[in-house]
Amino acid sequence: MPSIQDLRRRVRAVKNMRQITKAMKMVAAARLRRAQERVTAARPYTAKMMQILGDAAHRTVDYRDPLLTGHERDQAAGRIILALVTADKGLCGAFNTNLIKTTQDYLRTHTGVEVDLVLIGRKGVDVFRRRPVNIRREHIGVTGTGKVALSDVTALTRQLIDDYLSDERPVDAVFILYNEFKSALSQQPVVEQLLPIRRLALGDSNDDAGGSKEAAGESLTDYLYEQPATQIFTELLPKLVENQVYHALLESVASELGARMTAMESASKNANDVIERLTLNMNRVRQARITREIIEVVSGAEAL
């Protein structure tokens, strides 16, 4: 049985850890509110941008752009890029574990093509550096501060577009995997196609899924265009991809903070339970020692 001194030392250690978990929970909760506001504000902008480009795509059905229609090659390149967005820090529950597990499932289900990983976040880099996978690039510190810098998003998007348009190592499609923010208790891994831009998302009337506004009986918004379609789409399509990447990073930041807040709250509760058990054991040890001393005194008195 451990001594009272050992139990007191363990209680102090658990109390110190509880202070850390409580502080981390408070910091994550304060940052989560602002991150959630940014995600909520970005969603209508993304939806409106998709709507406007969808209407423009309907009006310019003869326009061809690799970002919109895909590569016009004789054969498919058999290579895709998967951008994985993980956290730079731990102590956020199953946030990174779910993303890594989803990535491994994705690699197993796409054995017929070559998948290159673009790792965004230190946790993904640490895991897949030790795995036999193709790593194209690594980005660390993009979401580590709890904020997303527009300069980082622009550089990251430009590299993904250049990879897609390059002829040296042809790429058929670009996907991004991140945790979508549902609530502080729920985050869902999502695989979203970045390139080529999905025609369904842009309301293509030729899409097999029937996502057309005209097929649904909705009227398209009519716009007056001063510039030709080539100039409009050349400017807007990269902006759309950049906005999708930015939105994915915002979702990932909010999900990370929500997962960390929940994990630290559970850790604080577990620390309270451990302190209660250790205190109870310490009281039992103390009581047993007092009882033993009383028995020794009584036994000595009777012997005299």
Protein backbone atom coordinates (compact mmCIF):
# COMPACT_ATOMS: atom_id res chain seq x y z
CA MET A 1 0.00 0.00 0.00
CA PRO A 2 1.44 3.45 -0.90
CA SER A 3 2.33 5.81 1.88
CA ILE A 4 0.50 9.03 2.71
CA GLN A 5 3.41 11.04 1.35
CA ASP A 6 3.19 9.26 -2.02
CA LEU A 7 -0.57 9.81 -2.20
CA ARG A 8 -0.21 13.51 -1.36
CA ARG A 9 2.44 13.84 -4.07
CA ARG A 10 0.11 12.22 -6.62
CA VAL A 11 -2.78 14.47 -5.60
CA ARG A 12 -0.60 17.57 -6.09
CA ALA A 13 0.49 16.32 -9.52
CA VAL A 14 -3.11 15.67 -10.63
CA LYS A 15 -4.20 19.10 -9.34
CA ASN A 16 -1.44 20.75 -11.38
CA MET A 17 -2.56 18.88 -14.50
CA ARG A 18 -6.16 19.90 -13.81
CA GLN A 19 -5.12 23.56 -13.76
CA ILE A 20 -3.52 23.11 -17.19
CA THR A 21 -6.54 21.36 -18.68
CA LYS A 22 -8.91 23.98 -17.27
CA ALA A 23 -6.79 26.79 -18.70
CA MET A 24 -6.61 25.09 -22.12
CA LYS A 25 -10.38 24.58 -22.08
CA MET A 26 -10.99 28.28 -21.34
CA VAL A 27 -8.58 29.40 -24.08
CA ALA A 28 -10.15 27.01 -26.63
CA ALA A 29 -13.66 28.16 -25.67
CA ALA A 30 -12.72 31.82 -26.13
CA ARG A 31 -11.12 31.16 -29.52
CA LEU A 32 -13.93 28.85 -30.61
CA ARG A 33 -16.52 31.60 -30.46
CA ARG A 34 -14.56 33.78 -32.88
CA ALA A 35 -13.69 30.84 -35.13
CA GLN A 36 -17.34 29.78 -35.27
CA GLU A 37 -18.34 33.31 -36.23
CA ARG A 38 -15.82 33.29 -39.08
CA VAL A 39 -17.11 29.94 -40.36
CA THR A 40 -20.73 31.09 -40.17
CA ALA A 41 -19.88 34.29 -42.02
CA ALA A 42 -17.92 32.46 -44.75
CA ARG A 43 -20.63 29.94 -45.64
CA PRO A 44 -23.09 32.42 -47.27
CA TYR A 45 -20.26 33.97 -49.29
CA THR A 46 -19.23 30.56 -50.61
CA ALA A 47 -22.82 29.65 -51.49
CA LYS A 48 -23.39 32.97 -53.28
CA MET A 49 -20.17 32.67 -55.24
CA MET A 50 -21.14 29.17 -56.36
CA GLN A 51 -24.56 30.47 -57.41
CA ILE A 52 -23.19 33.35 -59.47
CA LEU A 53 -20.63 31.14 -61.22
CA GLY A 54 -23.34 28.54 -61.80
CA ASP A 55 -25.51 31.05 -63.61
CA ALA A 56 -22.51 32.26 -65.59
CA ALA A 57 -21.63 28.67 -66.55
CA HIS A 58 -25.12 28.17 -67.95
CA ARG A 59 -24.85 31.29 -70.09
CA THR A 60 -21.47 30.27 -71.51
CA VAL A 61 -21.86 26.57 -72.30
CA ASP A 62 -19.25 26.70 -75.07
CA TYR A 63 -16.49 27.95 -72.76
CA ARG A 64 -13.76 25.39 -71.98
CA ASP A 65 -11.30 25.74 -69.13
CA PRO A 66 -9.24 22.93 -67.52
CA LEU A 67 -10.25 24.15 -64.06
CA LEU A 68 -13.90 23.77 -65.01
CA THR A 69 -14.09 20.98 -67.58
CA GLY A 70 -11.00 18.94 -66.68
CA HIS A 71 -8.06 17.97 -68.85
CA GLU A 72 -8.74 16.98 -72.43
CA ARG A 73 -6.21 14.17 -72.67
CA ASP A 74 -6.32 10.96 -74.65
CA GLN A 75 -5.75 8.96 -71.48
CA ALA A 76 -6.20 9.67 -67.82
CA ALA A 77 -3.01 10.38 -65.91
CA GLY A 78 -4.01 8.03 -63.11
CA ARG A 79 -2.83 10.46 -60.42
CA ILE A 80 -4.76 12.58 -57.96
CA ILE A 81 -3.75 14.94 -55.18
CA LEU A 82 -5.25 14.76 -51.70
CA ALA A 83 -4.65 17.76 -49.45
CA LEU A 84 -4.95 16.64 -45.83
CA VAL A 85 -5.66 19.33 -43.22
CA THR A 86 -4.66 18.30 -39.69
CA ALA A 87 -3.74 20.23 -36.56
CA ASP A 88 -0.29 21.43 -35.59
CA LYS A 89 -0.92 20.56 -31.92
CA GLY A 90 -2.38 17.67 -30.01
CA LEU A 91 -4.64 17.44 -26.95
CA CYS A 92 -7.76 17.69 -29.11
CA GLY A 93 -9.29 14.25 -28.68
CA ALA A 94 -9.89 12.19 -31.81
CA PHE A 95 -9.59 15.19 -34.16
CA ASN A 96 -6.36 14.10 -35.84
CA THR A 97 -7.00 10.37 -35.43
CA ASN A 98 -10.24 10.52 -37.42
CA LEU A 99 -8.55 12.46 -40.23
CA ILE A 100 -5.63 10.06 -40.45
CA LYS A 101 -7.94 7.06 -40.40
CA THR A 102 -10.09 8.60 -43.16
CA THR A 103 -6.95 9.25 -45.22
CA GLN A 104 -5.83 5.64 -44.85
CA ASP A 105 -9.29 4.42 -45.91
CA TYR A 106 -9.12 6.76 -48.91
CA LEU A 107 -5.74 5.37 -49.94
CA ARG A 108 -7.00 1.79 -49.63
CA THR A 109 -10.08 2.48 -51.77
CA HIS A 110 -8.03 4.24 -54.49
CA THR A 111 -5.39 1.62 -55.15
CA GLY A 112 -5.97 1.89 -58.91
CA VAL A 113 -4.57 5.44 -59.05
CA GLU A 114 -1.49 7.11 -57.67
CA VAL A 115 -2.35 9.43 -54.78
CA ASP A 116 0.01 12.27 -53.86
CA LEU A 117 -0.48 13.80 -50.40
CA VAL A 118 -0.19 17.49 -49.63
CA LEU A 119 0.08 17.57 -45.84
CA ILE A 120 -1.16 20.67 -44.04
CA GLY A 121 -0.45 20.44 -40.32
CA ARG A 122 2.30 18.92 -38.20
CA LYS A 123 0.30 15.90 -36.99
CA GLY A 124 -0.32 14.63 -40.50
CA VAL A 125 3.33 15.20 -41.40
CA ASP A 126 4.54 13.26 -38.35
CA VAL A 127 2.34 10.27 -39.18
CA PHE A 128 2.76 9.95 -42.95
CA ARG A 129 6.49 10.60 -42.98
CA ARG A 130 6.81 7.10 -41.55
CA ARG A 131 4.40 5.52 -44.02
CA PRO A 132 5.09 4.32 -47.59
CA VAL A 133 3.06 7.09 -49.27
CA ASN A 134 3.82 9.78 -51.85
CA ILE A 135 4.20 13.16 -50.16
CA ARG A 136 4.25 16.03 -52.60
CA ARG A 137 4.53 18.93 -50.13
CA GLU A 138 4.36 19.73 -46.44
CA HIS A 139 2.89 22.85 -44.84
CA ILE A 140 3.33 23.46 -41.11
CA GLY A 141 1.98 26.41 -39.15
CA VAL A 142 -0.89 27.35 -41.47
CA THR A 143 -3.55 26.90 -38.74
CA GLY A 144 -1.30 26.66 -35.68
CA THR A 145 -2.19 30.11 -34.33
CA GLY A 146 -5.94 29.54 -34.51
CA LYS A 147 -6.24 31.96 -37.44
CA VAL A 148 -5.91 31.55 -41.20
CA ALA A 149 -3.75 34.06 -43.05
CA LEU A 150 -4.95 34.96 -46.53
CA SER A 151 -1.37 34.97 -47.81
CA ASP A 152 -0.95 31.31 -46.81
CA VAL A 153 -4.25 30.40 -48.49
CA THR A 154 -3.27 32.19 -51.70
CA ALA A 155 0.13 30.49 -51.87
CA LEU A 156 -1.36 27.07 -51.09
CA THR A 157 -4.10 27.46 -53.71
CA ARG A 158 -1.65 28.67 -56.34
CA GLN A 159 0.52 25.60 -55.79
CA LEU A 160 -2.45 23.24 -56.08
CA ILE A 161 -3.60 24.89 -59.31
CA ASP A 162 -0.07 24.77 -60.73
CA ASP A 163 0.16 21.08 -59.85
CA TYR A 164 -3.14 20.44 -61.62
CA LEU A 165 -2.20 22.39 -64.75
CA SER A 166 1.38 21.11 -64.94
CA ASP A 167 2.31 18.69 -67.72
CA GLU A 168 5.40 17.29 -65.96
CA ARG A 169 3.41 15.12 -63.53
CA PRO A 170 -0.15 15.23 -64.88
CA VAL A 171 -2.91 15.24 -62.27
CA ASP A 172 -6.52 14.26 -62.97
CA ALA A 173 -8.13 15.75 -59.85
CA VAL A 174 -7.39 17.56 -56.59
CA PHE A 175 -9.26 16.81 -53.36
CA ILE A 176 -9.08 18.28 -49.88
CA LEU A 177 -9.79 16.36 -46.66
CA TYR A 178 -10.69 18.28 -43.51
CA ASN A 179 -12.96 18.16 -40.47
CA GLU A 180 -16.25 19.95 -41.05
CA PHE A 181 -17.50 21.85 -38.01
CA LYS A 182 -20.92 20.67 -36.86
CA SER A 183 -20.77 21.68 -33.22
CA ALA A 184 -18.28 21.73 -30.37
CA LEU A 185 -19.10 18.06 -29.78
CA SER A 186 -19.28 16.91 -33.40
CA GLN A 187 -16.75 17.18 -36.23
CA GLN A 188 -17.07 15.16 -39.43
CA PRO A 189 -14.23 14.35 -41.86
CA VAL A 190 -15.16 15.53 -45.36
CA VAL A 191 -13.48 14.87 -48.72
CA GLU A 192 -14.23 17.73 -51.11
CA GLN A 193 -13.22 17.99 -54.75
CA LEU A 194 -11.35 21.17 -55.61
CA LEU A 195 -10.28 20.55 -59.21
CA PRO A 196 -11.75 20.19 -61.68
CA ILE A 197 -14.53 22.33 -60.27
CA ARG A 198 -17.59 20.13 -60.05
CA ARG A 199 -20.16 20.99 -62.68
CA LEU A 200 -22.93 19.98 -60.29
CA ALA A 201 -21.74 22.61 -57.84
CA LEU A 202 -21.85 25.16 -60.63
CA GLY A 203 -25.30 24.03 -61.73
CA ASP A 204 -24.31 22.36 -65.01
CA SER A 205 -27.41 21.43 -66.96
CA ASN A 206 -25.59 18.41 -68.44
CA ASP A 207 -24.81 16.87 -65.05
CA ASP A 208 -26.22 13.37 -64.62
CA ALA A 209 -27.23 14.04 -61.05
CA GLY A 210 -29.88 16.47 -62.19
CA GLY A 211 -28.52 19.39 -60.22
CA SER A 212 -29.63 21.96 -62.77
CA LYS A 213 -31.73 24.88 -61.69
CA GLU A 214 -33.63 24.68 -64.92
CA ALA A 215 -34.38 20.98 -64.32
CA ALA A 216 -35.62 21.85 -60.84
CA GLY A 217 -37.95 24.49 -62.24
CA GLU A 218 -35.95 27.44 -60.93
CA SER A 219 -35.17 30.45 -63.06
CA LEU A 220 -31.60 31.49 -63.65
CA THR A 221 -30.49 34.98 -62.70
CA ASP A 222 -29.75 37.04 -65.78
CA TYR A 223 -26.60 39.15 -65.70
CA LEU A 224 -25.14 41.81 -67.95
CA TYR A 225 -21.51 41.06 -68.78
CA GLU A 226 -19.08 43.75 -69.84
CA GLN A 227 -16.10 41.39 -70.18
CA PRO A 228 -15.98 38.23 -72.32
CA ALA A 229 -16.41 34.84 -70.66
CA THR A 230 -12.71 34.05 -70.96
CA GLN A 231 -11.72 37.04 -68.86
CA ILE A 232 -14.47 36.47 -66.29
CA PHE A 233 -13.72 32.81 -65.68
CA THR A 234 -9.95 33.35 -65.78
CA GLU A 235 -10.35 35.71 -62.83
CA LEU A 236 -13.14 34.01 -60.90
CA LEU A 237 -12.33 30.30 -61.13
CA PRO A 238 -9.01 30.55 -59.20
CA LYS A 239 -10.79 32.77 -56.70
CA LEU A 240 -13.43 30.09 -56.25
CA VAL A 241 -10.80 27.43 -55.56
CA GLU A 242 -9.04 29.79 -53.16
CA ASN A 243 -12.32 30.43 -51.37
CA GLN A 244 -12.95 26.69 -51.03
CA VAL A 245 -9.49 26.17 -49.52
CA TYR A 246 -9.99 29.11 -47.17
CA HIS A 247 -13.38 27.79 -46.10
CA ALA A 248 -11.92 24.31 -45.46
CA LEU A 249 -9.17 25.78 -43.27
CA LEU A 250 -11.71 27.83 -41.30
CA GLU A 251 -13.80 24.72 -40.76
CA SER A 252 -10.69 22.83 -39.61
CA VAL A 253 -9.70 25.56 -37.12
CA ALA A 254 -13.19 25.68 -35.60
CA SER A 255 -13.34 21.87 -35.43
CA GLU A 256 -9.93 21.70 -33.75
CA LEU A 257 -10.88 24.24 -31.10
CA GLY A 258 -14.21 22.52 -30.46
CA ALA A 259 -12.52 19.13 -30.13
CA ARG A 260 -9.85 20.58 -27.81
CA MET A 261 -12.44 22.28 -25.61
CA THR A 262 -14.41 19.04 -25.28
CA ALA A 263 -11.30 16.95 -24.64
CA MET A 264 -9.97 19.32 -21.97
CA GLU A 265 -13.36 19.43 -20.26
CA SER A 266 -13.39 15.63 -20.10
CA ALA A 267 -9.80 15.64 -18.84
CA SER A 268 -10.70 18.09 -16.07
CA LYS A 269 -13.62 15.90 -14.99
CA ASN A 270 -11.40 12.84 -15.01
CA ALA A 271 -8.83 14.71 -12.90
CA ASN A 272 -11.54 15.50 -10.33
CA ASP A 273 -12.47 11.82 -10.19
CA VAL A 274 -8.82 10.80 -9.72
CA ILE A 275 -8.37 13.39 -6.94
CA GLU A 276 -11.44 12.08 -5.14
CA ARG A 277 -10.21 8.49 -5.33
CA LEU A 278 -6.71 9.40 -4.17
CA THR A 279 -8.09 11.49 -1.30
CA LEU A 280 -10.30 8.60 -0.21
CA ASN A 281 -7.34 6.21 -0.30
CA MET A 282 -5.22 8.72 1.61
CA ASN A 283 -7.88 9.01 4.31
CA ARG A 284 -8.09 5.23 4.54
CA VAL A 285 -4.31 4.94 4.93
CA ARG A 286 -4.31 7.66 7.58
CA GLN A 287 -7.15 6.02 9.46
CA ALA A 288 -5.43 2.64 9.29
CA ARG A 289 -2.23 4.14 10.69
CA ILE A 290 -4.09 5.86 13.53
CA THR A 291 -5.93 2.64 14.34
CA ARG A 292 -2.66 0.71 14.36
CA GLU A 293 -1.02 3.23 16.71
CA ILE A 294 -4.01 3.09 19.09
CA ILE A 295 -3.83 -0.72 19.11
CA GLU A 296 -0.10 -0.56 19.88
CA VAL A 297 -0.68 1.86 22.82
CA VAL A 298 -3.49 -0.26 24.24
CA SER A 299 -1.46 -3.44 23.83
CA GLY A 300 1.48 -1.83 25.63
CA ALA A 301 -0.71 -0.65 28.50
CA GLU A 302 -2.20 -4.10 28.94
CA ALA A 303 1.24 -5.64 28.92
CA LEU A 304 2.30 -3.35 31.78
